[in-house]
Amino acid sequence: MNMLDDYVNRKHGKVKVAYDHPLLDSILKETFGVFVYQEQVMQAANALAGYSLGGADVLRRAMGKKKPEEMEKQRETFIKGCHDKNKIPRPKANQIFDTLAKFAGYGFNKSHSAAYAIVAYQTAWLKANHPVEYMAALLSNELANTDKIQLFINECKRMGIEVQAPDVNESGVRFTVRDGKIRFGLAAIKTSVKSPCRT
């Protein structure tokens, strides 16, 4: 996650795009020289150090788990492969390995990233264009989690959405919308917890 700022700054031209090695140019071009996807780690290991794609996946998993003994074993394999295949000096290979390892614990594969981006866009659109209905659905999805209910009620207050107290005549099982307000759902009431709607 510490590479997010670097990615954004490179994308907007605030920081010059640079590659640790010319072979990384084609692998990292679409992400401005920053490792974003798991596939990029595997492609880099293949191109720089001669890993097979299966071996590169083992490297990626080892980096994600951060087991020191496995990491040192992989580091030596990577450095030796970089030297044997591309005559990359040990200090540079070591630096590239550190960059890969820093990323690998946080990276997604590309297909998951695309799916998450679509869901994030749809969610943001719903919240921006149908905020009351969106928040009612979000609250209804967390009926058993009082901590989340309180968090989302606070978000409703921040957004200027009124969450009305439970009412035996008006409330449904879930959170409902009526006249631009959310009515507290009866299934979210916990006998041991004070109603979060009380002020």
C-alpha atoms as a PDB file:
ATOM      1  CA  MET A   1       0.000   0.000   0.000  1.00  0.00           C
ATOM      2  CA  ASN A   2       2.958   2.329   0.471  1.00  0.00           C
ATOM      3  CA  MET A   3       3.339   2.353  -3.318  1.00  0.00           C
ATOM      4  CA  LEU A   4      -0.064   4.001  -3.882  1.00  0.00           C
ATOM      5  CA  ASP A   5       1.292   7.531  -3.521  1.00  0.00           C
ATOM      6  CA  ASP A   6       4.143   6.703  -5.866  1.00  0.00           C
ATOM      7  CA  TYR A   7       1.694   5.328  -8.444  1.00  0.00           C
ATOM      8  CA  VAL A   8      -0.608   8.361  -8.235  1.00  0.00           C
ATOM      9  CA  ASN A   9       2.265  10.857  -8.411  1.00  0.00           C
ATOM     10  CA  ARG A  10       3.742   9.093 -11.450  1.00  0.00           C
ATOM     11  CA  LYS A  11       0.364   8.889 -13.177  1.00  0.00           C
ATOM     12  CA  HIS A  12      -0.175  12.643 -12.753  1.00  0.00           C
ATOM     13  CA  GLY A  13       3.353  13.536 -13.834  1.00  0.00           C
ATOM     14  CA  LYS A  14       4.498  14.769 -10.413  1.00  0.00           C
ATOM     15  CA  VAL A  15       7.210  12.112 -10.271  1.00  0.00           C
ATOM     16  CA  LYS A  16       9.193  10.896 -13.267  1.00  0.00           C
ATOM     17  CA  VAL A  17       8.479   7.311 -14.309  1.00  0.00           C
ATOM     18  CA  ALA A  18      11.608   5.220 -13.851  1.00  0.00           C
ATOM     19  CA  TYR A  19      12.387   1.524 -14.140  1.00  0.00           C
ATOM     20  CA  ASP A  20      14.923  -0.406 -12.050  1.00  0.00           C
ATOM     21  CA  HIS A  21      15.977  -2.250 -15.217  1.00  0.00           C
ATOM     22  CA  PRO A  22      15.152  -1.812 -18.933  1.00  0.00           C
ATOM     23  CA  LEU A  23      13.520  -5.284 -19.011  1.00  0.00           C
ATOM     24  CA  LEU A  24      10.881  -3.986 -16.598  1.00  0.00           C
ATOM     25  CA  ASP A  25       9.762  -1.305 -19.072  1.00  0.00           C
ATOM     26  CA  SER A  26       7.279  -3.488 -20.967  1.00  0.00           C
ATOM     27  CA  ILE A  27       6.111  -5.242 -17.770  1.00  0.00           C
ATOM     28  CA  LEU A  28       5.437  -2.065 -15.759  1.00  0.00           C
ATOM     29  CA  LYS A  29       4.564   0.432 -18.504  1.00  0.00           C
ATOM     30  CA  GLU A  30       0.800   0.375 -17.913  1.00  0.00           C
ATOM     31  CA  THR A  31       1.311   0.984 -14.166  1.00  0.00           C
ATOM     32  CA  PHE A  32       3.907   3.778 -14.520  1.00  0.00           C
ATOM     33  CA  GLY A  33       6.857   1.707 -13.337  1.00  0.00           C
ATOM     34  CA  VAL A  34       5.157   0.540 -10.121  1.00  0.00           C
ATOM     35  CA  PHE A  35       4.364  -3.098  -9.319  1.00  0.00           C
ATOM     36  CA  VAL A  36       0.575  -3.240  -8.965  1.00  0.00           C
ATOM     37  CA  TYR A  37      -0.441  -6.741 -10.057  1.00  0.00           C
ATOM     38  CA  GLN A  38       0.789 -10.153  -8.922  1.00  0.00           C
ATOM     39  CA  GLU A  39       1.324 -11.108 -12.551  1.00  0.00           C
ATOM     40  CA  GLN A  40       3.914  -8.335 -12.834  1.00  0.00           C
ATOM     41  CA  VAL A  41       5.964  -9.878 -10.019  1.00  0.00           C
ATOM     42  CA  MET A  42       5.889 -13.207 -11.829  1.00  0.00           C
ATOM     43  CA  GLN A  43       6.761 -11.665 -15.204  1.00  0.00           C
ATOM     44  CA  ALA A  44       9.655  -9.740 -13.643  1.00  0.00           C
ATOM     45  CA  ALA A  45      11.057 -12.890 -12.027  1.00  0.00           C
ATOM     46  CA  ASN A  46      10.771 -14.660 -15.371  1.00  0.00           C
ATOM     47  CA  ALA A  47      12.323 -11.877 -17.467  1.00  0.00           C
ATOM     48  CA  LEU A  48      15.083 -10.838 -15.065  1.00  0.00           C
ATOM     49  CA  ALA A  49      16.049 -14.053 -13.295  1.00  0.00           C
ATOM     50  CA  GLY A  50      14.871 -16.808 -15.636  1.00  0.00           C
ATOM     51  CA  TYR A  51      12.199 -18.231 -13.328  1.00  0.00           C
ATOM     52  CA  SER A  52       9.666 -20.537 -14.913  1.00  0.00           C
ATOM     53  CA  LEU A  53       6.116 -19.197 -14.467  1.00  0.00           C
ATOM     54  CA  GLY A  54       5.494 -21.949 -11.907  1.00  0.00           C
ATOM     55  CA  GLY A  55       8.675 -21.005 -10.061  1.00  0.00           C
ATOM     56  CA  ALA A  56       7.687 -17.332 -10.235  1.00  0.00           C
ATOM     57  CA  ASP A  57       4.367 -18.174  -8.592  1.00  0.00           C
ATOM     58  CA  VAL A  58       6.243 -19.958  -5.776  1.00  0.00           C
ATOM     59  CA  LEU A  59       8.345 -16.784  -5.382  1.00  0.00           C
ATOM     60  CA  ARG A  60       5.208 -14.602  -5.266  1.00  0.00           C
ATOM     61  CA  ARG A  61       3.603 -16.822  -2.601  1.00  0.00           C
ATOM     62  CA  ALA A  62       6.802 -16.872  -0.518  1.00  0.00           C
ATOM     63  CA  MET A  63       6.929 -13.076  -0.629  1.00  0.00           C
ATOM     64  CA  GLY A  64       3.275 -12.829   0.388  1.00  0.00           C
ATOM     65  CA  LYS A  65       3.805 -15.082   3.424  1.00  0.00           C
ATOM     66  CA  LYS A  66       7.031 -13.293   4.433  1.00  0.00           C
ATOM     67  CA  LYS A  67       8.744 -16.378   5.863  1.00  0.00           C
ATOM     68  CA  PRO A  68      12.351 -15.228   6.482  1.00  0.00           C
ATOM     69  CA  GLU A  69      14.064 -18.552   5.683  1.00  0.00           C
ATOM     70  CA  GLU A  70      12.083 -19.022   2.457  1.00  0.00           C
ATOM     71  CA  MET A  71      12.661 -15.382   1.493  1.00  0.00           C
ATOM     72  CA  GLU A  72      16.450 -15.716   1.862  1.00  0.00           C
ATOM     73  CA  LYS A  73      16.428 -18.882  -0.229  1.00  0.00           C
ATOM     74  CA  GLN A  74      14.382 -17.130  -2.932  1.00  0.00           C
ATOM     75  CA  ARG A  75      16.582 -14.017  -2.727  1.00  0.00           C
ATOM     76  CA  GLU A  76      19.699 -16.052  -3.543  1.00  0.00           C
ATOM     77  CA  THR A  77      17.917 -17.848  -6.398  1.00  0.00           C
ATOM     78  CA  PHE A  78      16.692 -14.512  -7.774  1.00  0.00           C
ATOM     79  CA  ILE A  79      20.086 -12.791  -7.511  1.00  0.00           C
ATOM     80  CA  LYS A  80      21.892 -15.748  -9.116  1.00  0.00           C
ATOM     81  CA  GLY A  81      19.275 -15.920 -11.888  1.00  0.00           C
ATOM     82  CA  CYS A  82      19.600 -12.178 -12.571  1.00  0.00           C
ATOM     83  CA  HIS A  83      23.371 -12.527 -12.901  1.00  0.00           C
ATOM     84  CA  ASP A  84      23.308 -15.698 -15.005  1.00  0.00           C
ATOM     85  CA  LYS A  85      20.547 -14.600 -17.392  1.00  0.00           C
ATOM     86  CA  ASN A  86      21.091 -10.834 -17.706  1.00  0.00           C
ATOM     87  CA  LYS A  87      24.435 -10.015 -16.041  1.00  0.00           C
ATOM     88  CA  ILE A  88      22.614  -7.827 -13.505  1.00  0.00           C
ATOM     89  CA  PRO A  89      25.024  -6.920 -10.674  1.00  0.00           C
ATOM     90  CA  ARG A  90      24.241  -8.332  -7.231  1.00  0.00           C
ATOM     91  CA  PRO A  91      23.436  -4.942  -5.588  1.00  0.00           C
ATOM     92  CA  LYS A  92      20.924  -4.059  -8.350  1.00  0.00           C
ATOM     93  CA  ALA A  93      19.342  -7.537  -8.247  1.00  0.00           C
ATOM     94  CA  ASN A  94      19.096  -7.260  -4.467  1.00  0.00           C
ATOM     95  CA  GLN A  95      17.400  -3.849  -4.787  1.00  0.00           C
ATOM     96  CA  ILE A  96      14.885  -5.204  -7.321  1.00  0.00           C
ATOM     97  CA  PHE A  97      14.158  -8.188  -5.061  1.00  0.00           C
ATOM     98  CA  ASP A  98      13.473  -5.807  -2.153  1.00  0.00           C
ATOM     99  CA  THR A  99      11.046  -3.835  -4.340  1.00  0.00           C
ATOM    100  CA  LEU A 100       9.245  -7.038  -5.355  1.00  0.00           C
ATOM    101  CA  ALA A 101       9.063  -8.255  -1.746  1.00  0.00           C
ATOM    102  CA  LYS A 102       7.691  -4.923  -0.511  1.00  0.00           C
ATOM    103  CA  PHE A 103       4.885  -5.114  -3.053  1.00  0.00           C
ATOM    104  CA  ALA A 104       4.068  -8.827  -2.999  1.00  0.00           C
ATOM    105  CA  GLY A 105       2.276  -8.834   0.354  1.00  0.00           C
ATOM    106  CA  TYR A 106      -0.337  -6.362  -0.936  1.00  0.00           C
ATOM    107  CA  GLY A 107      -0.728  -7.119  -4.614  1.00  0.00           C
ATOM    108  CA  PHE A 108      -3.863  -8.474  -6.276  1.00  0.00           C
ATOM    109  CA  ASN A 109      -4.016 -10.445  -9.440  1.00  0.00           C
ATOM    110  CA  LYS A 110      -5.242  -8.357 -12.339  1.00  0.00           C
ATOM    111  CA  SER A 111      -8.616 -10.045 -12.795  1.00  0.00           C
ATOM    112  CA  HIS A 112      -9.516  -9.486  -9.123  1.00  0.00           C
ATOM    113  CA  SER A 113      -8.407  -5.865  -9.376  1.00  0.00           C
ATOM    114  CA  ALA A 114     -10.696  -5.316 -12.361  1.00  0.00           C
ATOM    115  CA  ALA A 115     -13.667  -6.877 -10.569  1.00  0.00           C
ATOM    116  CA  TYR A 116     -13.025  -4.821  -7.415  1.00  0.00           C
ATOM    117  CA  ALA A 117     -12.784  -1.644  -9.507  1.00  0.00           C
ATOM    118  CA  ILE A 118     -16.195  -2.315 -11.082  1.00  0.00           C
ATOM    119  CA  VAL A 119     -17.796  -2.999  -7.687  1.00  0.00           C
ATOM    120  CA  ALA A 120     -16.151   0.120  -6.185  1.00  0.00           C
ATOM    121  CA  TYR A 121     -17.429   2.269  -9.070  1.00  0.00           C
ATOM    122  CA  GLN A 122     -20.968   0.875  -8.817  1.00  0.00           C
ATOM    123  CA  THR A 123     -20.986   1.330  -5.032  1.00  0.00           C
ATOM    124  CA  ALA A 124     -19.731   4.922  -5.283  1.00  0.00           C
ATOM    125  CA  TRP A 125     -22.370   5.677  -7.945  1.00  0.00           C
ATOM    126  CA  LEU A 126     -25.174   4.273  -5.781  1.00  0.00           C
ATOM    127  CA  LYS A 127     -23.992   6.184  -2.712  1.00  0.00           C
ATOM    128  CA  ALA A 128     -23.726   9.435  -4.701  1.00  0.00           C
ATOM    129  CA  ASN A 129     -27.007   9.119  -6.615  1.00  0.00           C
ATOM    130  CA  HIS A 130     -29.264   7.155  -4.216  1.00  0.00           C
ATOM    131  CA  PRO A 131     -27.726   7.853  -0.804  1.00  0.00           C
ATOM    132  CA  VAL A 132     -30.744   7.096   1.395  1.00  0.00           C
ATOM    133  CA  GLU A 133     -31.570   3.808  -0.330  1.00  0.00           C
ATOM    134  CA  TYR A 134     -27.896   2.851  -0.422  1.00  0.00           C
ATOM    135  CA  MET A 135     -27.385   3.465   3.296  1.00  0.00           C
ATOM    136  CA  ALA A 136     -30.615   1.600   4.179  1.00  0.00           C
ATOM    137  CA  ALA A 137     -29.381  -1.404   2.174  1.00  0.00           C
ATOM    138  CA  LEU A 138     -25.945  -1.177   3.795  1.00  0.00           C
ATOM    139  CA  LEU A 139     -27.486  -1.074   7.283  1.00  0.00           C
ATOM    140  CA  SER A 140     -29.802  -3.984   6.439  1.00  0.00           C
ATOM    141  CA  ASN A 141     -26.806  -6.021   5.359  1.00  0.00           C
ATOM    142  CA  GLU A 142     -25.289  -5.724   8.862  1.00  0.00           C
ATOM    143  CA  LEU A 143     -28.315  -6.485  11.061  1.00  0.00           C
ATOM    144  CA  ALA A 144     -26.341  -8.694  13.446  1.00  0.00           C
ATOM    145  CA  ASN A 145     -23.300  -6.423  13.761  1.00  0.00           C
ATOM    146  CA  THR A 146     -24.029  -3.591  16.215  1.00  0.00           C
ATOM    147  CA  ASP A 147     -20.579  -2.042  15.730  1.00  0.00           C
ATOM    148  CA  LYS A 148     -21.128  -1.730  11.976  1.00  0.00           C
ATOM    149  CA  ILE A 149     -24.701  -0.466  12.511  1.00  0.00           C
ATOM    150  CA  GLN A 150     -23.368   2.320  14.733  1.00  0.00           C
ATOM    151  CA  LEU A 151     -20.631   3.145  12.229  1.00  0.00           C
ATOM    152  CA  PHE A 152     -23.133   3.395   9.366  1.00  0.00           C
ATOM    153  CA  ILE A 153     -25.623   5.430  11.420  1.00  0.00           C
ATOM    154  CA  ASN A 154     -22.807   7.884  12.120  1.00  0.00           C
ATOM    155  CA  GLU A 155     -22.124   7.991   8.377  1.00  0.00           C
ATOM    156  CA  CYS A 156     -25.837   8.736   7.794  1.00  0.00           C
ATOM    157  CA  LYS A 157     -25.598  11.656  10.223  1.00  0.00           C
ATOM    158  CA  ARG A 158     -22.509  12.920   8.426  1.00  0.00           C
ATOM    159  CA  MET A 159     -24.414  12.738   5.129  1.00  0.00           C
ATOM    160  CA  GLY A 160     -27.462  14.523   6.571  1.00  0.00           C
ATOM    161  CA  ILE A 161     -29.683  11.434   6.394  1.00  0.00           C
ATOM    162  CA  GLU A 162     -32.105  11.013   9.285  1.00  0.00           C
ATOM    163  CA  VAL A 163     -32.295   7.549  10.841  1.00  0.00           C
ATOM    164  CA  GLN A 164     -35.546   7.314  12.752  1.00  0.00           C
ATOM    165  CA  ALA A 165     -35.927   5.244  15.916  1.00  0.00           C
ATOM    166  CA  PRO A 166     -37.604   1.830  15.707  1.00  0.00           C
ATOM    167  CA  ASP A 167     -41.376   1.947  15.711  1.00  0.00           C
ATOM    168  CA  VAL A 168     -43.583  -1.087  16.136  1.00  0.00           C
ATOM    169  CA  ASN A 169     -46.135   0.412  13.716  1.00  0.00           C
ATOM    170  CA  GLU A 170     -43.703   1.798  11.119  1.00  0.00           C
ATOM    171  CA  SER A 171     -40.556  -0.344  11.117  1.00  0.00           C
ATOM    172  CA  GLY A 172     -39.990  -3.340   8.926  1.00  0.00           C
ATOM    173  CA  VAL A 173     -37.732  -6.271   9.694  1.00  0.00           C
ATOM    174  CA  ARG A 174     -34.900  -4.484   7.872  1.00  0.00           C
ATOM    175  CA  PHE A 175     -34.060  -0.806   7.548  1.00  0.00           C
ATOM    176  CA  THR A 176     -36.584   0.868   5.269  1.00  0.00           C
ATOM    177  CA  VAL A 177     -36.844   4.165   3.392  1.00  0.00           C
ATOM    178  CA  ARG A 178     -39.837   6.455   3.628  1.00  0.00           C
ATOM    179  CA  ASP A 179     -40.029  10.133   2.667  1.00  0.00           C
ATOM    180  CA  GLY A 180     -36.256  10.417   2.328  1.00  0.00           C
ATOM    181  CA  LYS A 181     -35.588   9.035   5.829  1.00  0.00           C
ATOM    182  CA  ILE A 182     -34.420   5.662   7.077  1.00  0.00           C
ATOM    183  CA  ARG A 183     -36.516   3.801   9.643  1.00  0.00           C
ATOM    184  CA  PHE A 184     -34.561   1.544  12.012  1.00  0.00           C
ATOM    185  CA  GLY A 185     -35.134  -2.159  11.269  1.00  0.00           C
ATOM    186  CA  LEU A 186     -36.632  -4.323  14.006  1.00  0.00           C
ATOM    187  CA  ALA A 187     -34.198  -7.190  13.364  1.00  0.00           C
ATOM    188  CA  ALA A 188     -31.311  -4.874  14.284  1.00  0.00           C
ATOM    189  CA  ILE A 189     -32.613  -4.221  17.797  1.00  0.00           C
ATOM    190  CA  LYS A 190     -30.544  -5.941  20.459  1.00  0.00           C
ATOM    191  CA  THR A 191     -32.029  -6.202  23.951  1.00  0.00           C
ATOM    192  CA  SER A 192     -28.618  -5.853  25.610  1.00  0.00           C
ATOM    193  CA  VAL A 193     -27.615  -2.795  23.576  1.00  0.00           C
ATOM    194  CA  LYS A 194     -29.076   0.698  23.878  1.00  0.00           C
ATOM    195  CA  SER A 195     -30.669   1.825  20.601  1.00  0.00           C
ATOM    196  CA  PRO A 196     -28.085   3.783  18.606  1.00  0.00           C
ATOM    197  CA  CYS A 197     -30.823   6.182  17.506  1.00  0.00           C
ATOM    198  CA  ARG A 198     -31.263   7.670  20.970  1.00  0.00           C
ATOM    199  CA  THR A 199     -29.547  10.973  21.585  1.00  0.00           C
END
